[in-house]
PDB file of N, CA and C in Angstrom:
ATOM      1  N   MET A   1     -13.436  18.385   5.005  1.00  0.00           N
ATOM      2  CA  MET A   1     -12.218  18.939   4.462  1.00  0.00           C
ATOM      3  C   MET A   1     -11.746  20.083   5.343  1.00  0.00           C
ATOM      4  N   LEU A   2     -10.451  20.233   5.435  1.00  0.00           N
ATOM      5  CA  LEU A   2      -9.856  21.256   6.282  1.00  0.00           C
ATOM      6  C   LEU A   2     -10.027  22.619   5.634  1.00  0.00           C
ATOM      7  N   GLU A   3     -10.711  23.481   6.310  1.00  0.00           N
ATOM      8  CA  GLU A   3     -10.892  24.846   5.831  1.00  0.00           C
ATOM      9  C   GLU A   3      -9.627  25.632   6.146  1.00  0.00           C
ATOM     10  N   LYS A   4      -9.362  26.645   5.366  1.00  0.00           N
ATOM     11  CA  LYS A   4      -8.147  27.450   5.544  1.00  0.00           C
ATOM     12  C   LYS A   4      -8.117  28.150   6.898  1.00  0.00           C
ATOM     13  N   THR A   5      -9.269  28.367   7.515  1.00  0.00           N
ATOM     14  CA  THR A   5      -9.323  29.079   8.789  1.00  0.00           C
ATOM     15  C   THR A   5      -9.131  28.149   9.985  1.00  0.00           C
ATOM     16  N   GLN A   6      -9.195  26.831   9.773  1.00  0.00           N
ATOM     17  CA  GLN A   6      -9.023  25.895  10.876  1.00  0.00           C
ATOM     18  C   GLN A   6      -7.543  25.730  11.209  1.00  0.00           C
ATOM     19  N   LYS A   7      -7.276  25.447  12.479  1.00  0.00           N
ATOM     20  CA  LYS A   7      -5.905  25.217  12.910  1.00  0.00           C
ATOM     21  C   LYS A   7      -5.551  23.747  12.712  1.00  0.00           C
ATOM     22  N   PRO A   8      -4.277  23.442  12.426  1.00  0.00           N
ATOM     23  CA  PRO A   8      -3.864  22.042  12.302  1.00  0.00           C
ATOM     24  C   PRO A   8      -4.099  21.295  13.617  1.00  0.00           C
ATOM     25  N   LEU A   9      -4.264  19.985  13.541  1.00  0.00           N
ATOM     26  CA  LEU A   9      -4.495  19.171  14.729  1.00  0.00           C
ATOM     27  C   LEU A   9      -3.227  18.973  15.551  1.00  0.00           C
ATOM     28  N   PHE A  10      -2.071  19.124  14.934  1.00  0.00           N
ATOM     29  CA  PHE A  10      -0.813  18.934  15.646  1.00  0.00           C
ATOM     30  C   PHE A  10       0.232  19.887  15.075  1.00  0.00           C
ATOM     31  N   LYS A  11       1.295  20.078  15.832  1.00  0.00           N
ATOM     32  CA  LYS A  11       2.367  20.974  15.408  1.00  0.00           C
ATOM     33  C   LYS A  11       3.606  20.146  15.086  1.00  0.00           C
ATOM     34  N   VAL A  12       4.220  20.420  13.956  1.00  0.00           N
ATOM     35  CA  VAL A  12       5.446  19.738  13.562  1.00  0.00           C
ATOM     36  C   VAL A  12       6.611  20.639  13.926  1.00  0.00           C
ATOM     37  N   GLU A  13       7.512  20.124  14.748  1.00  0.00           N
ATOM     38  CA  GLU A  13       8.672  20.911  15.148  1.00  0.00           C
ATOM     39  C   GLU A  13       9.766  20.788  14.099  1.00  0.00           C
ATOM     40  N   ARG A  14      10.414  21.879  13.848  1.00  0.00           N
ATOM     41  CA  ARG A  14      11.515  21.895  12.883  1.00  0.00           C
ATOM     42  C   ARG A  14      12.789  21.392  13.547  1.00  0.00           C
ATOM     43  N   CYS A  15      13.506  20.550  12.861  1.00  0.00           N
ATOM     44  CA  CYS A  15      14.762  19.991  13.381  1.00  0.00           C
ATOM     45  C   CYS A  15      15.938  20.444  12.529  1.00  0.00           C
ATOM     46  N   GLY A  16      15.825  21.596  11.928  1.00  0.00           N
ATOM     47  CA  GLY A  16      16.899  22.099  11.093  1.00  0.00           C
ATOM     48  C   GLY A  16      16.908  21.493   9.695  1.00  0.00           C
ATOM     49  N   VAL A  17      15.872  20.737   9.353  1.00  0.00           N
ATOM     50  CA  VAL A  17      15.788  20.104   8.044  1.00  0.00           C
ATOM     51  C   VAL A  17      14.662  20.766   7.264  1.00  0.00           C
ATOM     52  N   GLU A  18      14.985  21.227   6.069  1.00  0.00           N
ATOM     53  CA  GLU A  18      13.955  21.821   5.223  1.00  0.00           C
ATOM     54  C   GLU A  18      13.162  20.710   4.560  1.00  0.00           C
ATOM     55  N   ARG A  19      11.864  20.823   4.622  1.00  0.00           N
ATOM     56  CA  ARG A  19      10.989  19.837   3.997  1.00  0.00           C
ATOM     57  C   ARG A  19      10.010  20.554   3.084  1.00  0.00           C
ATOM     58  N   GLU A  20       9.681  19.894   2.008  1.00  0.00           N
ATOM     59  CA  GLU A  20       8.684  20.432   1.101  1.00  0.00           C
ATOM     60  C   GLU A  20       7.304  20.177   1.687  1.00  0.00           C
ATOM     61  N   SER A  21       6.443  21.133   1.565  1.00  0.00           N
ATOM     62  CA  SER A  21       5.094  21.008   2.100  1.00  0.00           C
ATOM     63  C   SER A  21       4.092  21.115   0.955  1.00  0.00           C
ATOM     64  N   MET A  22       3.154  20.187   0.931  1.00  0.00           N
ATOM     65  CA  MET A  22       2.106  20.200  -0.084  1.00  0.00           C
ATOM     66  C   MET A  22       0.769  19.987   0.617  1.00  0.00           C
ATOM     67  N   GLU A  23      -0.263  20.651   0.145  1.00  0.00           N
ATOM     68  CA  GLU A  23      -1.588  20.517   0.745  1.00  0.00           C
ATOM     69  C   GLU A  23      -2.520  19.780  -0.204  1.00  0.00           C
ATOM     70  N   PHE A  24      -3.275  18.830   0.363  1.00  0.00           N
ATOM     71  CA  PHE A  24      -4.272  18.068  -0.384  1.00  0.00           C
ATOM     72  C   PHE A  24      -5.539  18.001   0.443  1.00  0.00           C
ATOM     73  N   ASP A  25      -6.651  17.836  -0.225  1.00  0.00           N
ATOM     74  CA  ASP A  25      -7.914  17.645   0.485  1.00  0.00           C
ATOM     75  C   ASP A  25      -8.008  16.225   1.028  1.00  0.00           C
ATOM     76  N   VAL A  26      -7.521  15.254   0.254  1.00  0.00           N
ATOM     77  CA  VAL A  26      -7.588  13.843   0.633  1.00  0.00           C
ATOM     78  C   VAL A  26      -6.249  13.193   0.337  1.00  0.00           C
ATOM     79  N   VAL A  27      -5.753  12.387   1.285  1.00  0.00           N
ATOM     80  CA  VAL A  27      -4.542  11.591   1.075  1.00  0.00           C
ATOM     81  C   VAL A  27      -4.922  10.128   1.247  1.00  0.00           C
ATOM     82  N   VAL A  28      -4.630   9.317   0.234  1.00  0.00           N
ATOM     83  CA  VAL A  28      -4.900   7.879   0.264  1.00  0.00           C
ATOM     84  C   VAL A  28      -3.566   7.172   0.420  1.00  0.00           C
ATOM     85  N   VAL A  29      -3.470   6.306   1.421  1.00  0.00           N
ATOM     86  CA  VAL A  29      -2.233   5.567   1.668  1.00  0.00           C
ATOM     87  C   VAL A  29      -2.360   4.199   1.018  1.00  0.00           C
ATOM     88  N   GLY A  30      -1.494   3.939   0.040  1.00  0.00           N
ATOM     89  CA  GLY A  30      -1.479   2.661  -0.653  1.00  0.00           C
ATOM     90  C   GLY A  30      -2.047   2.775  -2.052  1.00  0.00           C
ATOM     91  N   ALA A  31      -1.264   2.339  -3.043  1.00  0.00           N
ATOM     92  CA  ALA A  31      -1.692   2.413  -4.439  1.00  0.00           C
ATOM     93  C   ALA A  31      -2.065   1.041  -4.975  1.00  0.00           C
ATOM     94  N   GLY A  32      -2.590   0.201  -4.091  1.00  0.00           N
ATOM     95  CA  GLY A  32      -3.116  -1.088  -4.522  1.00  0.00           C
ATOM     96  C   GLY A  32      -4.529  -0.905  -5.046  1.00  0.00           C
ATOM     97  N   PRO A  33      -5.216  -2.011  -5.308  1.00  0.00           N
ATOM     98  CA  PRO A  33      -6.577  -1.913  -5.845  1.00  0.00           C
ATOM     99  C   PRO A  33      -7.522  -1.094  -4.963  1.00  0.00           C
ATOM    100  N   ALA A  34      -7.476  -1.286  -3.655  1.00  0.00           N
ATOM    101  CA  ALA A  34      -8.380  -0.554  -2.757  1.00  0.00           C
ATOM    102  C   ALA A  34      -8.035   0.932  -2.712  1.00  0.00           C
ATOM    103  N   GLY A  35      -6.749   1.258  -2.616  1.00  0.00           N
ATOM    104  CA  GLY A  35      -6.340   2.657  -2.557  1.00  0.00           C
ATOM    105  C   GLY A  35      -6.669   3.418  -3.826  1.00  0.00           C
ATOM    106  N   LEU A  36      -6.383   2.803  -4.972  1.00  0.00           N
ATOM    107  CA  LEU A  36      -6.693   3.468  -6.237  1.00  0.00           C
ATOM    108  C   LEU A  36      -8.200   3.610  -6.432  1.00  0.00           C
ATOM    109  N   SER A  37      -8.952   2.583  -6.035  1.00  0.00           N
ATOM    110  CA  SER A  37     -10.416   2.661  -6.124  1.00  0.00           C
ATOM    111  C   SER A  37     -10.949   3.780  -5.242  1.00  0.00           C
ATOM    112  N   ALA A  38     -10.390   3.906  -4.041  1.00  0.00           N
ATOM    113  CA  ALA A  38     -10.820   4.966  -3.125  1.00  0.00           C
ATOM    114  C   ALA A  38     -10.523   6.341  -3.710  1.00  0.00           C
ATOM    115  N   ALA A  39      -9.336   6.512  -4.276  1.00  0.00           N
ATOM    116  CA  ALA A  39      -8.964   7.804  -4.859  1.00  0.00           C
ATOM    117  C   ALA A  39      -9.877   8.159  -6.032  1.00  0.00           C
ATOM    118  N   ILE A  40     -10.156   7.182  -6.884  1.00  0.00           N
ATOM    119  CA  ILE A  40     -11.037   7.421  -8.029  1.00  0.00           C
ATOM    120  C   ILE A  40     -12.440   7.779  -7.555  1.00  0.00           C
ATOM    121  N   ARG A  41     -12.930   7.058  -6.558  1.00  0.00           N
ATOM    122  CA  ARG A  41     -14.290   7.306  -6.055  1.00  0.00           C
ATOM    123  C   ARG A  41     -14.403   8.693  -5.425  1.00  0.00           C
ATOM    124  N   VAL A  42     -13.392   9.105  -4.682  1.00  0.00           N
ATOM    125  CA  VAL A  42     -13.403  10.452  -4.092  1.00  0.00           C
ATOM    126  C   VAL A  42     -13.486  11.504  -5.192  1.00  0.00           C
ATOM    127  N   MET A  43     -12.705  11.318  -6.252  1.00  0.00           N
ATOM    128  CA  MET A  43     -12.734  12.280  -7.355  1.00  0.00           C
ATOM    129  C   MET A  43     -14.096  12.281  -8.050  1.00  0.00           C
ATOM    130  N   GLN A  44     -14.701  11.100  -8.221  1.00  0.00           N
ATOM    131  CA  GLN A  44     -16.028  11.022  -8.832  1.00  0.00           C
ATOM    132  C   GLN A  44     -17.068  11.744  -7.981  1.00  0.00           C
ATOM    133  N   LEU A  45     -17.033  11.507  -6.673  1.00  0.00           N
ATOM    134  CA  LEU A  45     -17.990  12.156  -5.774  1.00  0.00           C
ATOM    135  C   LEU A  45     -17.801  13.667  -5.754  1.00  0.00           C
ATOM    136  N   ALA A  46     -16.549  14.104  -5.755  1.00  0.00           N
ATOM    137  CA  ALA A  46     -16.275  15.543  -5.760  1.00  0.00           C
ATOM    138  C   ALA A  46     -16.785  16.179  -7.048  1.00  0.00           C
ATOM    139  N   GLU A  47     -16.546  15.503  -8.166  1.00  0.00           N
ATOM    140  CA  GLU A  47     -17.005  16.036  -9.452  1.00  0.00           C
ATOM    141  C   GLU A  47     -18.531  16.112  -9.505  1.00  0.00           C
ATOM    142  N   SER A  48     -19.208  15.073  -9.019  1.00  0.00           N
ATOM    143  CA  SER A  48     -20.675  15.082  -9.050  1.00  0.00           C
ATOM    144  C   SER A  48     -21.254  16.147  -8.116  1.00  0.00           C
ATOM    145  N   ALA A  49     -20.495  16.520  -7.082  1.00  0.00           N
ATOM    146  CA  ALA A  49     -20.934  17.570  -6.161  1.00  0.00           C
ATOM    147  C   ALA A  49     -20.495  18.954  -6.630  1.00  0.00           C
ATOM    148  N   GLY A  50     -19.753  18.998  -7.741  1.00  0.00           N
ATOM    149  CA  GLY A  50     -19.292  20.275  -8.266  1.00  0.00           C
ATOM    150  C   GLY A  50     -18.184  20.901  -7.444  1.00  0.00           C
ATOM    151  N   ARG A  51     -17.418  20.067  -6.748  1.00  0.00           N
ATOM    152  CA  ARG A  51     -16.335  20.578  -5.899  1.00  0.00           C
ATOM    153  C   ARG A  51     -14.983  20.225  -6.503  1.00  0.00           C
ATOM    154  N   GLU A  52     -14.082  21.169  -6.447  1.00  0.00           N
ATOM    155  CA  GLU A  52     -12.714  20.915  -6.878  1.00  0.00           C
ATOM    156  C   GLU A  52     -11.974  20.306  -5.695  1.00  0.00           C
ATOM    157  N   THR A  53     -11.457  19.101  -5.864  1.00  0.00           N
ATOM    158  CA  THR A  53     -10.814  18.374  -4.775  1.00  0.00           C
ATOM    159  C   THR A  53      -9.466  17.854  -5.238  1.00  0.00           C
ATOM    160  N   THR A  54      -8.468  18.003  -4.378  1.00  0.00           N
ATOM    161  CA  THR A  54      -7.153  17.452  -4.689  1.00  0.00           C
ATOM    162  C   THR A  54      -6.967  16.159  -3.913  1.00  0.00           C
ATOM    163  N   VAL A  55      -6.449  15.141  -4.606  1.00  0.00           N
ATOM    164  CA  VAL A  55      -6.232  13.827  -4.008  1.00  0.00           C
ATOM    165  C   VAL A  55      -4.787  13.423  -4.251  1.00  0.00           C
ATOM    166  N   CYS A  56      -4.150  12.907  -3.211  1.00  0.00           N
ATOM    167  CA  CYS A  56      -2.779  12.407  -3.314  1.00  0.00           C
ATOM    168  C   CYS A  56      -2.785  10.935  -2.921  1.00  0.00           C
ATOM    169  N   VAL A  57      -2.168  10.080  -3.746  1.00  0.00           N
ATOM    170  CA  VAL A  57      -2.019   8.662  -3.424  1.00  0.00           C
ATOM    171  C   VAL A  57      -0.555   8.431  -3.078  1.00  0.00           C
ATOM    172  N   VAL A  58      -0.313   7.883  -1.877  1.00  0.00           N
ATOM    173  CA  VAL A  58       1.051   7.637  -1.401  1.00  0.00           C
ATOM    174  C   VAL A  58       1.300   6.134  -1.430  1.00  0.00           C
ATOM    175  N   GLU A  59       2.399   5.722  -2.055  1.00  0.00           N
ATOM    176  CA  GLU A  59       2.745   4.304  -2.170  1.00  0.00           C
ATOM    177  C   GLU A  59       4.191   4.111  -1.743  1.00  0.00           C
ATOM    178  N   LYS A  60       4.446   3.128  -0.891  1.00  0.00           N
ATOM    179  CA  LYS A  60       5.815   2.890  -0.438  1.00  0.00           C
ATOM    180  C   LYS A  60       6.632   2.106  -1.456  1.00  0.00           C
ATOM    181  N   GLY A  61       5.974   1.391  -2.337  1.00  0.00           N
ATOM    182  CA  GLY A  61       6.676   0.609  -3.355  1.00  0.00           C
ATOM    183  C   GLY A  61       7.241   1.502  -4.444  1.00  0.00           C
ATOM    184  N   SER A  62       8.044   0.913  -5.300  1.00  0.00           N
ATOM    185  CA  SER A  62       8.677   1.674  -6.375  1.00  0.00           C
ATOM    186  C   SER A  62       7.709   2.009  -7.502  1.00  0.00           C
ATOM    187  N   GLU A  63       6.563   1.318  -7.529  1.00  0.00           N
ATOM    188  CA  GLU A  63       5.562   1.581  -8.558  1.00  0.00           C
ATOM    189  C   GLU A  63       4.177   1.240  -8.029  1.00  0.00           C
ATOM    190  N   VAL A  64       3.176   1.669  -8.745  1.00  0.00           N
ATOM    191  CA  VAL A  64       1.797   1.398  -8.345  1.00  0.00           C
ATOM    192  C   VAL A  64       1.566  -0.109  -8.330  1.00  0.00           C
ATOM    193  N   GLY A  65       0.983  -0.603  -7.242  1.00  0.00           N
ATOM    194  CA  GLY A  65       0.681  -2.024  -7.131  1.00  0.00           C
ATOM    195  C   GLY A  65       1.893  -2.913  -6.943  1.00  0.00           C
ATOM    196  N   ALA A  66       2.981  -2.365  -6.443  1.00  0.00           N
ATOM    197  CA  ALA A  66       4.226  -3.127  -6.317  1.00  0.00           C
ATOM    198  C   ALA A  66       4.113  -4.318  -5.372  1.00  0.00           C
ATOM    199  N   HIS A  67       3.185  -4.283  -4.438  1.00  0.00           N
ATOM    200  CA  HIS A  67       3.090  -5.350  -3.439  1.00  0.00           C
ATOM    201  C   HIS A  67       1.920  -6.294  -3.677  1.00  0.00           C
ATOM    202  N   ILE A  68       1.365  -6.279  -4.869  1.00  0.00           N
ATOM    203  CA  ILE A  68       0.246  -7.165  -5.174  1.00  0.00           C
ATOM    204  C   ILE A  68       0.796  -8.514  -5.625  1.00  0.00           C
ATOM    205  N   LEU A  69       0.312  -9.587  -5.010  1.00  0.00           N
ATOM    206  CA  LEU A  69       0.691 -10.928  -5.452  1.00  0.00           C
ATOM    207  C   LEU A  69      -0.269 -11.353  -6.547  1.00  0.00           C
ATOM    208  N   SER A  70       0.270 -11.696  -7.705  1.00  0.00           N
ATOM    209  CA  SER A  70      -0.596 -12.093  -8.810  1.00  0.00           C
ATOM    210  C   SER A  70      -0.511 -13.589  -9.098  1.00  0.00           C
ATOM    211  N   VAL A  71       0.271 -14.306  -8.315  1.00  0.00           N
ATOM    212  CA  VAL A  71       0.374 -15.763  -8.469  1.00  0.00           C
ATOM    213  C   VAL A  71       0.064 -16.402  -7.127  1.00  0.00           C
ATOM    214  N   PRO A  72      -0.366 -17.661  -7.139  1.00  0.00           N
ATOM    215  CA  PRO A  72      -0.624 -18.320  -5.850  1.00  0.00           C
ATOM    216  C   PRO A  72       0.643 -18.374  -5.003  1.00  0.00           C
ATOM    217  N   TYR A  73       0.491 -18.134  -3.722  1.00  0.00           N
ATOM    218  CA  TYR A  73       1.632 -18.178  -2.816  1.00  0.00           C
ATOM    219  C   TYR A  73       1.937 -19.628  -2.481  1.00  0.00           C
ATOM    220  N   LEU A  74       3.186 -20.029  -2.658  1.00  0.00           N
ATOM    221  CA  LEU A  74       3.616 -21.384  -2.338  1.00  0.00           C
ATOM    222  C   LEU A  74       4.616 -21.325  -1.200  1.00  0.00           C
ATOM    223  N   SER A  75       4.413 -22.133  -0.201  1.00  0.00           N
ATOM    224  CA  SER A  75       5.330 -22.180   0.923  1.00  0.00           C
ATOM    225  C   SER A  75       6.650 -22.786   0.465  1.00  0.00           C
ATOM    226  N   PRO A  76       7.783 -22.248   0.931  1.00  0.00           N
ATOM    227  CA  PRO A  76       9.074 -22.817   0.539  1.00  0.00           C
ATOM    228  C   PRO A  76       9.320 -24.206   1.135  1.00  0.00           C
ATOM    229  N   VAL A  77       8.554 -24.587   2.149  1.00  0.00           N
ATOM    230  CA  VAL A  77       8.710 -25.911   2.755  1.00  0.00           C
ATOM    231  C   VAL A  77       7.853 -26.896   1.975  1.00  0.00           C
ATOM    232  N   ARG A  78       8.488 -27.929   1.440  1.00  0.00           N
ATOM    233  CA  ARG A  78       7.755 -28.916   0.641  1.00  0.00           C
ATOM    234  C   ARG A  78       7.137 -29.987   1.523  1.00  0.00           C
ATOM    235  N   SER A  79       6.044 -30.489   1.078  1.00  0.00           N
ATOM    236  CA  SER A  79       5.361 -31.564   1.795  1.00  0.00           C
ATOM    237  C   SER A  79       6.162 -32.851   1.657  1.00  0.00           C
ATOM    238  N   MET A  80       6.151 -33.660   2.693  1.00  0.00           N
ATOM    239  CA  MET A  80       6.918 -34.910   2.690  1.00  0.00           C
ATOM    240  C   MET A  80       6.064 -36.089   2.213  1.00  0.00           C
ATOM    241  N   ASN A  81       4.984 -35.847   1.506  1.00  0.00           N
ATOM    242  CA  ASN A  81       4.121 -36.941   1.034  1.00  0.00           C
ATOM    243  C   ASN A  81       4.714 -37.662  -0.131  1.00  0.00           C
TER     244      ASN A  81
END
């Protein structure tokens, strides 16, 4: 985890646009089954170690699991049999 005394790995240049900044100990990309499982496991491990840890899950979809296919994928091209 990044300690407050460590320097960032890279510098973000300002382009005249104000951006909100938030700090987290762990960032998980993707709110699918693997991403949510990873976030939950990190929190469990932190709790068992007695550490307060902040976790952020980032998802590009409009909702959690938006890109999960729950039905068999069928090709739009039909077989000529």
